[in-house]
Amino acid sequence: MANATLKATFSISSTDLFDSVNLSKTVTDSLTIDGDNRQGLTTMTTSTSYADINIEALAGTTGGGKKAYVYAKNLDSTIDLLFADDGNTAFAKLAPGEFMFYPTADNTKIQVKSASGTPTVEFLLLEVD
Protein backbone atom coordinates (compact mmCIF):
# COMPACT_ATOMS: atom_id res chain seq x y z
CA MET A 1 0.00 0.00 0.00
CA ALA A 2 1.32 3.48 -0.84
CA ASN A 3 2.49 5.87 1.84
CA ALA A 4 -0.01 8.38 3.18
CA THR A 5 0.30 11.49 5.33
CA LEU A 6 -1.88 12.08 8.37
CA LYS A 7 -1.92 15.62 9.77
CA ALA A 8 -2.67 15.62 13.50
CA THR A 9 -3.40 18.68 15.64
CA PHE A 10 -3.90 18.65 19.40
CA SER A 11 -5.01 21.70 21.33
CA ILE A 12 -5.59 22.18 25.05
CA SER A 13 -6.54 25.31 26.96
CA SER A 14 -7.87 26.42 30.33
CA THR A 15 -8.35 29.72 32.12
CA ASP A 16 -8.99 28.23 35.56
CA LEU A 17 -6.81 25.10 35.80
CA PHE A 18 -3.96 26.93 37.57
CA ASP A 19 -4.35 29.82 40.01
CA SER A 20 -2.63 32.55 38.01
CA VAL A 21 -1.52 31.04 34.70
CA ASN A 22 -3.67 30.43 31.65
CA LEU A 23 -2.94 27.26 29.73
CA SER A 24 -2.97 27.32 25.94
CA LYS A 25 -1.02 24.81 23.85
CA THR A 26 -1.42 23.56 20.30
CA VAL A 27 0.88 21.08 18.57
CA THR A 28 0.72 19.87 14.98
CA ASP A 29 2.56 17.06 13.24
CA SER A 30 2.54 15.31 9.86
CA LEU A 31 2.71 11.56 10.35
CA THR A 32 3.80 9.15 7.61
CA ILE A 33 1.51 6.13 7.45
CA ASP A 34 3.22 3.36 5.52
CA GLY A 35 1.93 0.12 7.02
CA ASP A 36 -0.60 -2.20 5.41
CA ASN A 37 -3.09 -2.37 8.31
CA ARG A 38 -5.24 0.74 7.82
CA GLN A 39 -8.66 0.57 9.34
CA GLY A 40 -10.71 3.57 8.36
CA LEU A 41 -12.92 5.44 10.77
CA THR A 42 -15.46 2.88 11.90
CA THR A 43 -17.61 1.87 14.84
CA MET A 44 -17.96 -1.35 16.79
CA THR A 45 -20.41 -2.51 19.43
CA THR A 46 -18.56 -3.59 22.57
CA SER A 47 -19.38 -6.05 25.33
CA THR A 48 -17.96 -6.84 28.77
CA SER A 49 -15.33 -9.14 27.18
CA TYR A 50 -12.26 -7.79 25.41
CA ALA A 51 -12.44 -7.73 21.60
CA ASP A 52 -9.66 -6.70 19.18
CA ILE A 53 -10.16 -3.48 17.25
CA ASN A 54 -7.51 -4.45 14.71
CA ILE A 55 -8.57 -6.92 12.04
CA GLU A 56 -5.08 -8.27 11.41
CA ALA A 57 -2.00 -8.39 13.63
CA LEU A 58 0.13 -5.27 13.75
CA ALA A 59 3.41 -6.15 12.07
CA GLY A 60 5.44 -2.97 11.63
CA THR A 61 9.20 -2.86 12.10
CA THR A 62 9.76 0.80 13.10
CA GLY A 63 12.40 0.97 15.83
CA GLY A 64 12.58 -2.81 15.98
CA GLY A 65 8.93 -3.28 16.92
CA LYS A 66 5.35 -2.75 15.88
CA LYS A 67 3.82 0.72 15.71
CA ALA A 68 0.41 2.15 14.95
CA TYR A 69 -1.53 5.35 15.56
CA VAL A 70 -4.87 4.80 17.24
CA TYR A 71 -7.85 7.13 17.61
CA ALA A 72 -10.80 5.99 19.73
CA LYS A 73 -13.92 7.70 21.06
CA ASN A 74 -16.56 6.43 23.46
CA LEU A 75 -19.87 7.23 21.75
CA ASP A 76 -21.97 6.16 24.73
CA SER A 77 -23.61 8.64 27.09
CA THR A 78 -23.44 6.58 30.31
CA ILE A 79 -20.98 3.63 30.11
CA ASP A 80 -17.15 3.62 30.34
CA LEU A 81 -14.90 1.78 27.87
CA LEU A 82 -11.67 0.02 28.88
CA PHE A 83 -8.70 -0.50 26.53
CA ALA A 84 -5.96 -3.11 26.89
CA ASP A 85 -2.79 -4.19 25.07
CA ASP A 86 -2.00 -7.65 23.75
CA GLY A 87 -1.06 -8.79 27.26
CA ASN A 88 -4.56 -7.92 28.51
CA THR A 89 -3.10 -5.07 30.56
CA ALA A 90 -5.54 -2.15 30.74
CA PHE A 91 -3.97 1.17 29.74
CA ALA A 92 -6.93 3.53 29.20
CA LYS A 93 -10.45 4.17 30.44
CA LEU A 94 -12.69 6.44 28.40
CA ALA A 95 -15.70 7.95 30.12
CA PRO A 96 -18.78 8.67 27.99
CA GLY A 97 -17.91 11.10 25.20
CA GLU A 98 -14.14 11.00 25.86
CA PHE A 99 -11.58 10.29 23.12
CA MET A 100 -7.88 9.50 22.74
CA PHE A 101 -5.24 9.59 19.99
CA TYR A 102 -1.89 7.96 20.65
CA PRO A 103 1.00 6.04 19.08
CA THR A 104 1.33 2.45 20.24
CA ALA A 105 4.35 0.20 19.90
CA ASP A 106 5.16 -3.47 20.40
CA ASN A 107 1.53 -4.54 20.65
CA THR A 108 0.12 -7.15 18.30
CA LYS A 109 -3.43 -6.08 19.10
CA ILE A 110 -5.48 -3.35 20.77
CA GLN A 111 -8.51 -4.50 22.73
CA VAL A 112 -11.64 -2.79 24.06
CA LYS A 113 -14.47 -3.79 26.39
CA SER A 114 -17.29 -2.03 28.16
CA ALA A 115 -17.77 -1.63 31.89
CA SER A 116 -21.32 -2.92 31.29
CA GLY A 117 -23.84 -3.23 28.48
CA THR A 118 -23.03 -2.83 24.80
CA PRO A 119 -21.86 0.73 24.09
CA THR A 120 -20.30 1.73 20.77
CA VAL A 121 -16.68 2.70 20.19
CA GLU A 122 -15.54 4.75 17.20
CA PHE A 123 -11.96 4.11 16.10
CA LEU A 124 -9.26 4.54 13.50
CA LEU A 125 -6.13 2.39 13.41
CA LEU A 126 -3.16 3.19 11.15
CA GLU A 127 -0.14 0.89 11.13
CA VAL A 128 3.36 2.26 10.57
CA ASP A 129 5.90 -0.08 9.04
C-alpha atoms as a PDB file:
ATOM      1  CA  MET A   1       0.000   0.000   0.000  1.00  0.00           C
ATOM      2  CA  ALA A   2       1.320   3.476  -0.843  1.00  0.00           C
ATOM      3  CA  ASN A   3       2.489   5.871   1.842  1.00  0.00           C
ATOM      4  CA  ALA A   4      -0.015   8.385   3.184  1.00  0.00           C
ATOM      5  CA  THR A   5       0.301  11.492   5.333  1.00  0.00           C
ATOM      6  CA  LEU A   6      -1.879  12.081   8.369  1.00  0.00           C
ATOM      7  CA  LYS A   7      -1.919  15.618   9.772  1.00  0.00           C
ATOM      8  CA  ALA A   8      -2.667  15.619  13.498  1.00  0.00           C
ATOM      9  CA  THR A   9      -3.402  18.676  15.641  1.00  0.00           C
ATOM     10  CA  PHE A  10      -3.904  18.648  19.397  1.00  0.00           C
ATOM     11  CA  SER A  11      -5.008  21.701  21.327  1.00  0.00           C
ATOM     12  CA  ILE A  12      -5.586  22.184  25.052  1.00  0.00           C
ATOM     13  CA  SER A  13      -6.538  25.313  26.960  1.00  0.00           C
ATOM     14  CA  SER A  14      -7.870  26.424  30.328  1.00  0.00           C
ATOM     15  CA  THR A  15      -8.355  29.720  32.119  1.00  0.00           C
ATOM     16  CA  ASP A  16      -8.986  28.232  35.563  1.00  0.00           C
ATOM     17  CA  LEU A  17      -6.809  25.102  35.803  1.00  0.00           C
ATOM     18  CA  PHE A  18      -3.963  26.931  37.570  1.00  0.00           C
ATOM     19  CA  ASP A  19      -4.348  29.823  40.005  1.00  0.00           C
ATOM     20  CA  SER A  20      -2.627  32.553  38.009  1.00  0.00           C
ATOM     21  CA  VAL A  21      -1.520  31.039  34.698  1.00  0.00           C
ATOM     22  CA  ASN A  22      -3.674  30.429  31.648  1.00  0.00           C
ATOM     23  CA  LEU A  23      -2.939  27.257  29.732  1.00  0.00           C
ATOM     24  CA  SER A  24      -2.971  27.320  25.943  1.00  0.00           C
ATOM     25  CA  LYS A  25      -1.021  24.813  23.854  1.00  0.00           C
ATOM     26  CA  THR A  26      -1.422  23.560  20.297  1.00  0.00           C
ATOM     27  CA  VAL A  27       0.883  21.080  18.574  1.00  0.00           C
ATOM     28  CA  THR A  28       0.721  19.873  14.984  1.00  0.00           C
ATOM     29  CA  ASP A  29       2.555  17.060  13.244  1.00  0.00           C
ATOM     30  CA  SER A  30       2.536  15.314   9.862  1.00  0.00           C
ATOM     31  CA  LEU A  31       2.711  11.557  10.348  1.00  0.00           C
ATOM     32  CA  THR A  32       3.796   9.150   7.607  1.00  0.00           C
ATOM     33  CA  ILE A  33       1.507   6.129   7.450  1.00  0.00           C
ATOM     34  CA  ASP A  34       3.223   3.364   5.516  1.00  0.00           C
ATOM     35  CA  GLY A  35       1.926   0.116   7.021  1.00  0.00           C
ATOM     36  CA  ASP A  36      -0.597  -2.196   5.414  1.00  0.00           C
ATOM     37  CA  ASN A  37      -3.086  -2.370   8.313  1.00  0.00           C
ATOM     38  CA  ARG A  38      -5.241   0.737   7.822  1.00  0.00           C
ATOM     39  CA  GLN A  39      -8.660   0.570   9.342  1.00  0.00           C
ATOM     40  CA  GLY A  40     -10.715   3.569   8.356  1.00  0.00           C
ATOM     41  CA  LEU A  41     -12.918   5.439  10.766  1.00  0.00           C
ATOM     42  CA  THR A  42     -15.459   2.876  11.898  1.00  0.00           C
ATOM     43  CA  THR A  43     -17.614   1.867  14.837  1.00  0.00           C
ATOM     44  CA  MET A  44     -17.958  -1.354  16.792  1.00  0.00           C
ATOM     45  CA  THR A  45     -20.414  -2.515  19.428  1.00  0.00           C
ATOM     46  CA  THR A  46     -18.565  -3.585  22.565  1.00  0.00           C
ATOM     47  CA  SER A  47     -19.376  -6.050  25.326  1.00  0.00           C
ATOM     48  CA  THR A  48     -17.961  -6.844  28.768  1.00  0.00           C
ATOM     49  CA  SER A  49     -15.331  -9.138  27.185  1.00  0.00           C
ATOM     50  CA  TYR A  50     -12.259  -7.791  25.407  1.00  0.00           C
ATOM     51  CA  ALA A  51     -12.438  -7.732  21.599  1.00  0.00           C
ATOM     52  CA  ASP A  52      -9.656  -6.700  19.178  1.00  0.00           C
ATOM     53  CA  ILE A  53     -10.163  -3.475  17.247  1.00  0.00           C
ATOM     54  CA  ASN A  54      -7.511  -4.450  14.705  1.00  0.00           C
ATOM     55  CA  ILE A  55      -8.569  -6.924  12.044  1.00  0.00           C
ATOM     56  CA  GLU A  56      -5.076  -8.265  11.415  1.00  0.00           C
ATOM     57  CA  ALA A  57      -2.003  -8.386  13.632  1.00  0.00           C
ATOM     58  CA  LEU A  58       0.126  -5.266  13.748  1.00  0.00           C
ATOM     59  CA  ALA A  59       3.407  -6.150  12.066  1.00  0.00           C
ATOM     60  CA  GLY A  60       5.437  -2.968  11.629  1.00  0.00           C
ATOM     61  CA  THR A  61       9.199  -2.857  12.095  1.00  0.00           C
ATOM     62  CA  THR A  62       9.764   0.796  13.102  1.00  0.00           C
ATOM     63  CA  GLY A  63      12.404   0.972  15.825  1.00  0.00           C
ATOM     64  CA  GLY A  64      12.577  -2.808  15.975  1.00  0.00           C
ATOM     65  CA  GLY A  65       8.925  -3.277  16.924  1.00  0.00           C
ATOM     66  CA  LYS A  66       5.352  -2.753  15.880  1.00  0.00           C
ATOM     67  CA  LYS A  67       3.824   0.722  15.712  1.00  0.00           C
ATOM     68  CA  ALA A  68       0.414   2.150  14.947  1.00  0.00           C
ATOM     69  CA  TYR A  69      -1.528   5.354  15.562  1.00  0.00           C
ATOM     70  CA  VAL A  70      -4.874   4.797  17.242  1.00  0.00           C
ATOM     71  CA  TYR A  71      -7.851   7.129  17.612  1.00  0.00           C
ATOM     72  CA  ALA A  72     -10.799   5.990  19.731  1.00  0.00           C
ATOM     73  CA  LYS A  73     -13.925   7.696  21.060  1.00  0.00           C
ATOM     74  CA  ASN A  74     -16.558   6.432  23.465  1.00  0.00           C
ATOM     75  CA  LEU A  75     -19.866   7.229  21.748  1.00  0.00           C
ATOM     76  CA  ASP A  76     -21.975   6.161  24.726  1.00  0.00           C
ATOM     77  CA  SER A  77     -23.614   8.644  27.093  1.00  0.00           C
ATOM     78  CA  THR A  78     -23.442   6.582  30.311  1.00  0.00           C
ATOM     79  CA  ILE A  79     -20.983   3.632  30.109  1.00  0.00           C
ATOM     80  CA  ASP A  80     -17.146   3.620  30.338  1.00  0.00           C
ATOM     81  CA  LEU A  81     -14.895   1.782  27.866  1.00  0.00           C
ATOM     82  CA  LEU A  82     -11.674   0.020  28.876  1.00  0.00           C
ATOM     83  CA  PHE A  83      -8.703  -0.501  26.529  1.00  0.00           C
ATOM     84  CA  ALA A  84      -5.958  -3.113  26.886  1.00  0.00           C
ATOM     85  CA  ASP A  85      -2.791  -4.190  25.074  1.00  0.00           C
ATOM     86  CA  ASP A  86      -1.995  -7.652  23.750  1.00  0.00           C
ATOM     87  CA  GLY A  87      -1.061  -8.789  27.263  1.00  0.00           C
ATOM     88  CA  ASN A  88      -4.559  -7.923  28.514  1.00  0.00           C
ATOM     89  CA  THR A  89      -3.101  -5.066  30.557  1.00  0.00           C
ATOM     90  CA  ALA A  90      -5.537  -2.153  30.740  1.00  0.00           C
ATOM     91  CA  PHE A  91      -3.974   1.169  29.737  1.00  0.00           C
ATOM     92  CA  ALA A  92      -6.929   3.528  29.204  1.00  0.00           C
ATOM     93  CA  LYS A  93     -10.449   4.169  30.436  1.00  0.00           C
ATOM     94  CA  LEU A  94     -12.691   6.444  28.395  1.00  0.00           C
ATOM     95  CA  ALA A  95     -15.700   7.947  30.117  1.00  0.00           C
ATOM     96  CA  PRO A  96     -18.783   8.674  27.994  1.00  0.00           C
ATOM     97  CA  GLY A  97     -17.906  11.103  25.195  1.00  0.00           C
ATOM     98  CA  GLU A  98     -14.139  11.000  25.856  1.00  0.00           C
ATOM     99  CA  PHE A  99     -11.583  10.291  23.122  1.00  0.00           C
ATOM    100  CA  MET A 100      -7.882   9.501  22.738  1.00  0.00           C
ATOM    101  CA  PHE A 101      -5.244   9.588  19.988  1.00  0.00           C
ATOM    102  CA  TYR A 102      -1.893   7.958  20.647  1.00  0.00           C
ATOM    103  CA  PRO A 103       1.001   6.045  19.079  1.00  0.00           C
ATOM    104  CA  THR A 104       1.328   2.448  20.240  1.00  0.00           C
ATOM    105  CA  ALA A 105       4.354   0.196  19.899  1.00  0.00           C
ATOM    106  CA  ASP A 106       5.156  -3.468  20.405  1.00  0.00           C
ATOM    107  CA  ASN A 107       1.528  -4.542  20.652  1.00  0.00           C
ATOM    108  CA  THR A 108       0.116  -7.147  18.301  1.00  0.00           C
ATOM    109  CA  LYS A 109      -3.435  -6.079  19.097  1.00  0.00           C
ATOM    110  CA  ILE A 110      -5.475  -3.349  20.775  1.00  0.00           C
ATOM    111  CA  GLN A 111      -8.513  -4.499  22.730  1.00  0.00           C
ATOM    112  CA  VAL A 112     -11.637  -2.789  24.058  1.00  0.00           C
ATOM    113  CA  LYS A 113     -14.466  -3.785  26.385  1.00  0.00           C
ATOM    114  CA  SER A 114     -17.293  -2.030  28.164  1.00  0.00           C
ATOM    115  CA  ALA A 115     -17.774  -1.634  31.892  1.00  0.00           C
ATOM    116  CA  SER A 116     -21.322  -2.923  31.285  1.00  0.00           C
ATOM    117  CA  GLY A 117     -23.844  -3.231  28.479  1.00  0.00           C
ATOM    118  CA  THR A 118     -23.026  -2.829  24.797  1.00  0.00           C
ATOM    119  CA  PRO A 119     -21.857   0.735  24.088  1.00  0.00           C
ATOM    120  CA  THR A 120     -20.304   1.731  20.766  1.00  0.00           C
ATOM    121  CA  VAL A 121     -16.679   2.700  20.191  1.00  0.00           C
ATOM    122  CA  GLU A 122     -15.537   4.754  17.201  1.00  0.00           C
ATOM    123  CA  PHE A 123     -11.957   4.109  16.104  1.00  0.00           C
ATOM    124  CA  LEU A 124      -9.255   4.542  13.496  1.00  0.00           C
ATOM    125  CA  LEU A 125      -6.125   2.386  13.412  1.00  0.00           C
ATOM    126  CA  LEU A 126      -3.156   3.191  11.154  1.00  0.00           C
ATOM    127  CA  GLU A 127      -0.138   0.887  11.127  1.00  0.00           C
ATOM    128  CA  VAL A 128       3.363   2.257  10.575  1.00  0.00           C
ATOM    129  CA  ASP A 129       5.899  -0.081   9.040  1.00  0.00           C
END
